[in-house]
Protein backbone atom coordinates (compact mmCIF):
# COMPACT_ATOMS: atom_id res chain seq x y z
CA MET A 1 75.98 110.28 82.26
CA LEU A 2 78.46 109.31 84.97
CA ALA A 3 81.22 111.67 86.06
CA SER A 4 84.83 110.70 85.37
CA LEU A 5 87.65 110.06 87.81
CA ARG A 6 90.97 110.45 86.02
CA LEU A 7 94.25 108.86 87.05
CA LYS A 8 97.71 110.41 86.84
CA LYS A 9 100.07 109.36 84.09
CA ASN A 10 101.26 105.72 84.39
CA GLU A 11 99.02 105.02 87.39
CA GLU A 12 96.74 102.68 85.44
CA ARG A 13 99.22 99.78 85.22
CA ARG A 14 98.00 97.95 88.34
CA ILE A 15 94.37 98.47 87.29
CA LYS A 16 95.06 97.05 83.82
CA GLN A 17 96.57 93.97 85.46
CA GLY A 18 93.26 93.32 87.18
CA HIS A 19 93.32 95.09 90.54
CA VAL A 20 90.17 97.05 91.38
CA TRP A 21 91.37 99.58 93.96
CA VAL A 22 92.29 103.18 93.17
CA TYR A 23 94.31 105.08 95.78
CA SER A 24 93.79 108.79 96.32
CA ASN A 25 97.42 109.62 95.42
CA GLU A 26 96.89 108.02 92.01
CA VAL A 27 94.14 110.47 91.03
CA ASP A 28 94.79 113.50 88.85
CA THR A 29 93.12 115.96 91.21
CA GLN A 30 93.78 118.84 88.83
CA ALA A 31 91.59 117.25 86.16
CA THR A 32 89.09 115.60 88.55
CA PRO A 33 89.21 117.09 92.08
CA LEU A 34 88.19 114.48 94.66
CA LYS A 35 86.27 117.08 96.63
CA ASP A 36 83.81 117.27 93.75
CA PHE A 37 82.52 113.75 94.43
CA GLU A 38 80.03 112.42 96.97
CA PRO A 39 80.82 109.29 99.01
CA GLY A 40 79.43 106.28 97.14
CA GLN A 41 78.98 108.13 93.84
CA GLN A 42 79.21 106.03 90.67
CA VAL A 43 81.99 107.08 88.32
CA ILE A 44 83.90 106.12 85.20
CA ILE A 45 87.58 105.56 86.03
CA GLU A 46 89.86 106.85 83.27
CA ALA A 47 93.55 106.60 82.43
CA SER A 48 95.49 109.86 82.12
CA THR A 49 94.76 109.79 78.38
CA GLY A 50 91.03 109.78 79.04
CA LYS A 51 90.65 106.14 78.02
CA PRO A 52 87.98 104.47 80.18
CA LEU A 53 89.27 101.71 82.48
CA GLY A 54 85.97 100.75 84.04
CA MET A 55 82.92 101.71 86.07
CA GLY A 56 82.99 101.89 89.85
CA TYR A 57 82.24 104.01 92.86
CA VAL A 58 84.20 106.64 94.74
CA ASN A 59 84.73 107.87 98.27
CA PRO A 60 86.76 111.11 98.23
CA ASN A 61 87.55 110.87 101.95
CA THR A 62 89.44 107.55 102.02
CA LEU A 63 92.88 106.26 101.02
CA ILE A 64 91.26 103.70 98.71
CA CYS A 65 89.18 106.33 97.02
CA ALA A 66 87.57 104.23 94.28
CA ARG A 67 86.78 100.60 93.51
CA ILE A 68 86.09 99.20 90.07
CA LEU A 69 82.92 97.15 89.66
CA SER A 70 83.15 96.39 85.94
CA ARG A 71 85.55 96.91 83.05
CA SER A 72 82.51 97.82 80.98
CA THR A 73 81.44 101.44 81.23
CA LYS A 74 78.02 100.61 79.80
CA LEU A 75 76.75 98.87 82.94
CA ASP A 76 74.86 100.55 85.76
CA PHE A 77 75.44 99.64 89.41
CA ASN A 78 71.84 98.74 90.15
CA ILE A 79 69.61 95.89 91.27
CA LYS A 80 70.07 94.02 87.97
CA PHE A 81 73.86 94.22 88.35
CA LEU A 82 73.70 92.98 91.96
CA LYS A 83 71.41 90.09 91.05
CA LYS A 84 73.73 88.89 88.28
CA ARG A 85 76.83 89.02 90.51
CA ILE A 86 75.14 87.29 93.47
CA GLN A 87 73.80 84.56 91.19
CA ALA A 88 77.31 84.02 89.79
CA ALA A 89 78.63 83.73 93.34
CA GLN A 90 75.86 81.25 94.13
CA ASP A 91 76.85 79.11 91.13
CA LEU A 92 80.43 78.81 92.42
CA ARG A 93 79.28 77.78 95.89
CA GLU A 94 76.93 75.14 94.50
CA LEU A 95 79.90 73.46 92.82
CA HIS A 96 81.36 72.76 96.26
CA PHE A 97 78.59 72.59 98.85
CA ASP A 98 75.43 70.52 98.95
CA GLN A 99 74.01 72.36 101.96
CA PRO A 100 73.21 76.09 102.22
CA PHE A 101 75.95 76.96 104.71
CA TYR A 102 78.75 79.07 103.22
CA ARG A 103 80.05 82.55 102.50
CA LEU A 104 77.82 83.54 99.62
CA VAL A 105 79.69 86.73 98.66
CA PHE A 106 83.35 87.46 99.35
CA GLY A 107 83.81 91.10 98.34
CA ASP A 108 86.33 91.87 95.60
CA SER A 109 86.73 88.20 94.65
CA ASP A 110 83.06 88.01 93.65
CA GLY A 111 83.07 91.36 91.88
CA LEU A 112 81.26 93.08 94.74
CA PRO A 113 83.89 95.10 96.64
CA GLY A 114 82.75 96.16 100.08
CA LEU A 115 80.14 93.39 100.45
CA VAL A 116 80.29 90.15 102.45
CA ILE A 117 77.30 87.84 102.81
CA ASP A 118 77.30 84.69 104.94
CA ARG A 119 74.49 82.21 104.45
CA PHE A 120 73.16 80.17 107.35
CA GLY A 121 70.37 78.27 105.62
CA ASP A 122 67.46 80.71 105.43
CA VAL A 123 69.26 83.42 107.40
CA PHE A 124 71.64 85.83 105.68
CA SER A 125 74.25 87.87 107.54
CA VAL A 126 75.35 90.92 105.52
CA GLN A 127 78.35 93.15 106.12
CA ILE A 128 78.88 96.34 104.13
CA THR A 129 82.22 98.11 104.48
CA THR A 130 82.18 100.85 101.82
CA ALA A 131 80.10 103.91 101.06
CA GLY A 132 79.48 102.65 97.53
CA MET A 133 77.80 99.50 98.79
CA GLU A 134 75.91 101.39 101.48
CA VAL A 135 74.19 103.41 98.74
CA VAL A 136 72.69 100.20 97.28
CA LYS A 137 71.93 98.55 100.63
CA ASP A 138 68.18 98.39 99.97
CA ASP A 139 68.82 96.82 96.55
CA ILE A 140 71.01 94.14 98.15
CA VAL A 141 68.21 93.27 100.56
CA GLN A 142 65.70 93.20 97.69
CA VAL A 143 67.88 90.84 95.61
CA LEU A 144 68.34 88.45 98.54
CA GLU A 145 64.60 88.52 99.22
CA ASN A 146 63.75 87.83 95.57
CA LEU A 147 66.30 85.04 95.10
CA TYR A 148 66.04 83.20 98.41
CA HIS A 149 62.84 84.27 100.24
CA PRO A 150 64.86 84.22 103.49
CA GLN A 151 63.54 83.90 107.00
CA ALA A 152 65.76 86.82 108.05
CA ILE A 153 68.43 89.20 106.80
CA VAL A 154 70.73 90.76 109.38
CA MET A 155 73.01 93.74 108.73
CA LYS A 156 76.22 93.25 110.74
CA ASN A 157 77.59 96.69 110.01
CA ASP A 158 79.66 97.10 113.16
CA THR A 159 83.15 96.60 111.74
CA ALA A 160 85.73 99.33 112.44
CA SER A 161 86.57 99.69 108.74
CA ARG A 162 83.24 101.48 108.26
CA LYS A 163 84.60 104.39 110.29
CA LEU A 164 87.25 104.96 107.63
CA GLU A 165 84.45 105.28 105.08
CA GLY A 166 82.53 107.75 107.25
CA LEU A 167 79.74 105.23 107.84
CA PRO A 168 77.84 104.62 111.10
CA LEU A 169 78.24 101.37 113.02
CA TYR A 170 75.08 99.38 113.63
CA GLU A 171 73.45 95.96 113.68
CA GLU A 172 69.91 95.52 112.43
CA VAL A 173 67.49 92.81 111.35
CA VAL A 174 66.32 94.41 108.10
CA LEU A 175 64.00 91.63 106.93
CA GLY A 176 61.95 88.99 108.70
CA GLU A 177 62.62 87.70 112.19
CA LEU A 178 65.65 85.87 113.48
CA PRO A 179 64.77 82.38 114.67
CA GLU A 180 65.62 81.55 118.26
CA SER A 181 68.21 79.06 117.07
CA ILE A 182 70.31 79.01 113.88
CA ILE A 183 72.06 75.69 113.41
CA ILE A 184 74.49 74.90 110.60
CA THR A 185 76.27 71.70 109.61
CA GLU A 186 79.99 71.79 108.91
CA ASN A 187 82.15 68.66 108.51
CA ASN A 188 79.42 66.41 109.94
CA THR A 189 79.23 68.58 113.05
CA LEU A 190 76.38 70.81 114.22
CA PHE A 191 76.99 74.38 115.37
CA GLU A 192 74.56 76.93 116.72
CA ILE A 193 75.43 80.35 115.32
CA PRO A 194 74.93 83.56 117.34
CA VAL A 195 74.39 85.88 114.38
CA GLU A 196 73.39 88.88 116.50
CA ASP A 197 75.97 88.63 119.28
CA GLY A 198 78.77 86.68 117.62
CA GLN A 199 82.05 87.91 116.16
CA LYS A 200 82.05 89.39 112.64
CA THR A 201 79.13 87.81 110.74
CA GLY A 202 78.67 85.18 113.47
CA TRP A 203 80.80 82.32 112.16
CA PHE A 204 84.13 81.74 110.40
CA TYR A 205 83.62 79.51 107.37
CA ASP A 206 87.12 80.22 106.05
CA HIS A 207 88.99 77.38 107.85
CA ARG A 208 86.38 74.74 106.98
CA CYS A 209 88.70 72.63 104.76
CA SER A 210 91.53 72.62 107.30
CA ARG A 211 89.13 71.65 110.08
CA LYS A 212 88.05 68.68 107.96
CA ARG A 213 91.72 67.70 107.54
CA LEU A 214 92.17 67.90 111.30
CA GLN A 215 89.34 65.42 111.82
CA GLY A 216 91.41 62.73 110.14
CA LEU A 217 94.24 63.20 112.65
CA VAL A 218 92.54 63.16 116.05
CA LYS A 219 90.96 59.75 116.67
CA GLY A 220 91.83 58.66 120.20
CA LYS A 221 93.97 61.78 120.79
CA ARG A 222 94.04 64.47 123.46
CA VAL A 223 93.40 67.78 121.69
CA LEU A 224 93.97 71.41 122.72
CA ASP A 225 92.12 74.10 120.74
CA VAL A 226 93.54 77.58 121.46
CA PHE A 227 91.44 80.65 120.46
CA SER A 228 88.51 78.26 120.09
CA TYR A 229 85.63 80.75 119.60
CA LEU A 230 82.55 78.44 119.31
CA GLY A 231 84.58 75.26 118.85
CA GLY A 232 84.95 75.13 115.07
CA TRP A 233 88.14 73.11 115.51
CA GLY A 234 87.59 71.59 118.95
CA VAL A 235 84.02 70.35 118.68
CA ALA A 236 84.77 69.04 115.18
CA ALA A 237 87.71 67.12 116.68
CA ALA A 238 85.44 65.65 119.35
CA THR A 239 82.86 64.46 116.80
CA ALA A 240 85.70 62.85 114.81
CA GLY A 241 86.70 60.63 117.71
CA ALA A 242 89.16 62.60 119.82
CA GLU A 243 89.54 61.14 123.30
CA SER A 244 89.33 64.57 124.96
CA VAL A 245 89.30 68.20 123.84
CA THR A 246 90.24 71.33 125.80
CA CYS A 247 89.05 74.63 124.34
CA VAL A 248 90.69 77.93 125.34
CA ASP A 249 89.24 81.38 124.70
CA ALA A 250 89.22 84.77 126.41
CA SER A 251 85.46 85.11 125.90
CA GLU A 252 83.01 83.54 128.33
CA PHE A 253 80.31 83.97 125.69
CA ALA A 254 82.36 81.96 123.17
CA LEU A 255 83.05 79.17 125.65
CA ASP A 256 79.36 78.97 126.55
CA GLY A 257 78.90 78.40 122.82
CA VAL A 258 81.51 75.62 122.88
CA ASP A 259 79.66 73.88 125.72
CA HIS A 260 76.37 74.25 123.89
CA ASN A 261 77.76 72.95 120.59
CA ALA A 262 79.43 70.01 122.34
CA ALA A 263 76.07 69.08 123.90
CA LEU A 264 74.35 69.55 120.55
CA ASN A 265 76.65 66.86 119.11
CA GLY A 266 76.53 64.52 122.09
CA VAL A 267 80.22 65.00 122.96
CA ALA A 268 79.93 67.17 126.07
CA ASP A 269 81.69 64.52 128.15
CA LYS A 270 84.82 64.97 126.02
CA LEU A 271 85.00 68.77 126.26
CA THR A 272 86.70 70.99 128.82
CA THR A 273 86.89 74.77 128.53
CA ILE A 274 89.38 77.23 129.99
CA GLN A 275 88.67 80.97 129.94
CA GLY A 276 91.66 83.29 129.83
CA ASN A 277 94.41 84.96 127.84
CA ALA A 278 95.88 82.31 125.55
CA PHE A 279 99.51 83.09 126.46
CA ASP A 280 98.70 82.89 130.18
CA VAL A 281 96.72 79.67 129.82
CA LEU A 282 99.47 77.95 127.82
CA ASN A 283 102.08 79.02 130.37
CA ALA A 284 99.87 77.63 133.16
CA LEU A 285 99.36 74.33 131.31
CA LYS A 286 103.14 74.07 130.82
CA ALA A 287 103.73 74.74 134.53
CA GLU A 288 101.24 71.98 135.36
CA ALA A 289 103.09 69.62 132.97
CA GLU A 290 99.93 69.10 130.91
CA LYS A 291 100.52 67.43 127.54
CA PHE A 292 98.39 67.01 124.41
CA ASP A 293 98.71 64.91 121.27
CA VAL A 294 97.36 67.65 119.00
CA VAL A 295 97.46 71.44 119.55
CA ILE A 296 95.65 73.93 117.30
CA VAL A 297 96.53 77.63 117.45
CA ASP A 298 94.22 79.78 115.33
CA PRO A 299 94.63 83.31 116.74
CA PRO A 300 93.03 86.55 115.58
CA ALA A 301 95.20 88.62 113.26
CA PHE A 302 98.25 89.68 115.28
CA ILE A 303 99.32 91.79 112.29
CA LYS A 304 96.50 94.05 111.17
CA ARG A 305 98.73 96.67 109.51
CA LYS A 306 102.05 96.31 107.74
CA LYS A 307 103.76 98.49 110.34
CA ASP A 308 102.78 95.94 113.05
CA PHE A 309 104.73 93.15 111.33
CA LYS A 310 107.73 92.86 113.65
CA GLN A 311 105.68 92.89 116.85
CA GLY A 312 103.07 90.55 115.36
CA PHE A 313 105.66 88.10 114.04
CA GLU A 314 107.11 87.80 117.55
CA ALA A 315 103.62 87.21 118.99
CA TYR A 316 103.02 84.38 116.52
CA ARG A 317 106.46 82.93 117.35
CA ARG A 318 105.82 82.98 121.10
CA MET A 319 102.37 81.46 120.66
CA ASN A 320 103.70 78.59 118.54
CA GLU A 321 106.59 78.00 120.94
CA LEU A 322 104.18 77.72 123.88
CA ALA A 323 102.00 75.36 121.85
CA MET A 324 104.98 73.08 121.20
CA ARG A 325 105.90 73.08 124.88
CA VAL A 326 102.59 71.40 125.76
CA LEU A 327 102.80 68.83 122.96
CA GLU A 328 103.56 65.20 123.60
CA LYS A 329 106.64 63.76 121.88
CA ASP A 330 105.88 63.35 118.17
CA GLY A 331 102.70 65.39 118.59
CA ILE A 332 100.87 67.38 115.91
CA LEU A 333 100.84 71.18 115.76
CA VAL A 334 98.22 72.90 113.63
CA SER A 335 99.33 76.50 113.18
CA ALA A 336 96.92 78.90 111.50
CA SER A 337 96.86 82.59 110.63
CA CYS A 338 94.19 84.91 109.26
CA SER A 339 96.56 87.87 108.82
CA HIS A 340 97.09 88.86 105.19
CA HIS A 341 100.36 90.52 106.21
CA LEU A 342 101.79 87.21 107.47
CA THR A 343 102.49 85.14 104.38
CA ARG A 344 102.60 81.36 104.23
CA ASP A 345 106.41 81.55 104.14
CA ASN A 346 106.35 83.90 107.15
CA LEU A 347 104.23 81.42 109.11
CA LEU A 348 106.66 78.65 108.22
CA GLN A 349 109.49 80.88 109.52
CA VAL A 350 107.49 81.50 112.70
CA VAL A 351 107.19 77.80 113.46
CA GLN A 352 110.76 76.98 112.45
CA SER A 353 112.12 79.79 114.65
CA ALA A 354 109.96 78.69 117.59
CA SER A 355 111.07 75.07 117.18
CA ARG A 356 114.77 75.90 117.16
CA HIS A 357 114.39 78.10 120.22
CA ILE A 358 113.24 75.08 122.26
CA ASP A 359 115.30 72.48 120.37
CA ARG A 360 112.48 70.73 118.52
CA ASN A 361 112.36 69.29 115.03
CA VAL A 362 109.32 70.09 112.88
CA GLN A 363 108.11 68.39 109.72
CA LEU A 364 105.49 70.14 107.60
CA PHE A 365 103.23 67.40 106.26
CA ASP A 366 100.17 69.28 105.01
CA GLN A 367 98.90 72.77 104.26
CA GLY A 368 95.44 74.28 104.31
CA HIS A 369 93.92 77.26 102.51
CA GLN A 370 90.73 79.28 102.72
CA GLY A 371 87.70 77.40 101.45
CA PRO A 372 86.20 77.73 97.96
CA ASP A 373 83.55 80.10 99.33
CA HIS A 374 86.46 82.52 99.92
CA PRO A 375 87.82 82.59 96.36
CA ILE A 376 91.08 84.41 95.68
CA HIS A 377 91.29 87.14 93.04
CA PRO A 378 94.68 86.55 91.36
CA ALA A 379 95.32 90.28 90.89
CA ILE A 380 94.34 91.20 94.46
CA PRO A 381 96.77 89.71 97.01
CA GLU A 382 94.61 91.08 99.82
CA THR A 383 91.93 88.47 99.04
CA GLU A 384 94.26 85.65 100.17
CA TYR A 385 94.61 85.68 103.92
CA ILE A 386 94.02 82.21 105.39
CA LYS A 387 96.83 79.72 105.81
CA THR A 388 97.12 76.57 107.94
CA LEU A 389 100.23 74.46 108.41
CA PHE A 390 100.24 70.92 109.83
CA PHE A 391 103.44 69.79 111.58
CA LYS A 392 104.77 66.75 113.33
CA VAL A 393 106.86 68.03 116.24
CA SER A 394 109.64 65.76 117.57
CA PRO A 395 112.66 65.99 119.83
CA SER A 396 115.64 67.43 117.95
CA TRP A 397 117.38 64.89 115.73
């Protein structure tokens, strides 16, 4: 029999509308003191009337103190549950991808809050961010082993959000052996993925659809890829017929990956890399009167918390202004953001503000979203975070 976690009066409205997070200030701590629970403990979440709202897990030490796994209170959070949810996630991916390279599980959107799994063929990169998922870590590994017989499973549990949950940071190969080289195919381009040493789970599948759109715009063009990481945009542009591509990143490791991936695709002669702070590099390119036909800016999240909005908005504006300054007349700007706190409308405002500041005219001609392996939960705005805007940038009319 699972213990109950009871909400205060009228605090169940958001949950009834489909959200799965319970905040600590929504809990009736008189009826169900949070200190009575263990991190990761399974519970029944109840309305103030005692009516069950669903089954989930709790962490008494965090702001988001519980997450709902099922509206049914008759289910157990066990290996059978995990297998069913992962298989459902697999079914959705198979509708869209004919090769085994995708985000297999995207947390809340796949009914598995606190769990992200990226699939690189026979290698699975797993990231657990909550105490509730940490409790069933061995079951997750067992399900993946049973379903896929993988060559390797890597735990990439080094994200800072684990600290909030009171969890240790670590990376570990928990099954099999990592091959010397992991190569994926994305948009007819090969990429070698550094699962152990790379950022996050090793690769960013989320902009895949927008990168494909870019490929149709670059034939014979000079392209600048800012915040390139391993060349997801830039190398893809080169394989699609760009005349030349310059990739900019602060990380030497990332740019070594760009060079390697360019060689892997036979386009090394088209690629140039520049290591440095993106703002400094763009200023230097402007001072040297360098011009490009297409500029992509896909920065890390400048707004990680709502309170950072004003400062982050200005950073996005400056970045997009600098990008426009190195564009040829009637060039194309691809402006992307992975910050949930910067909405699509905010990003449009960013580019419009930047364009007016330097007397340019911008025309939005296409928009990109996160790929279908990053499904959006309609009741959870936090699951939508990727946006890409495609602009033609001209002298002011």
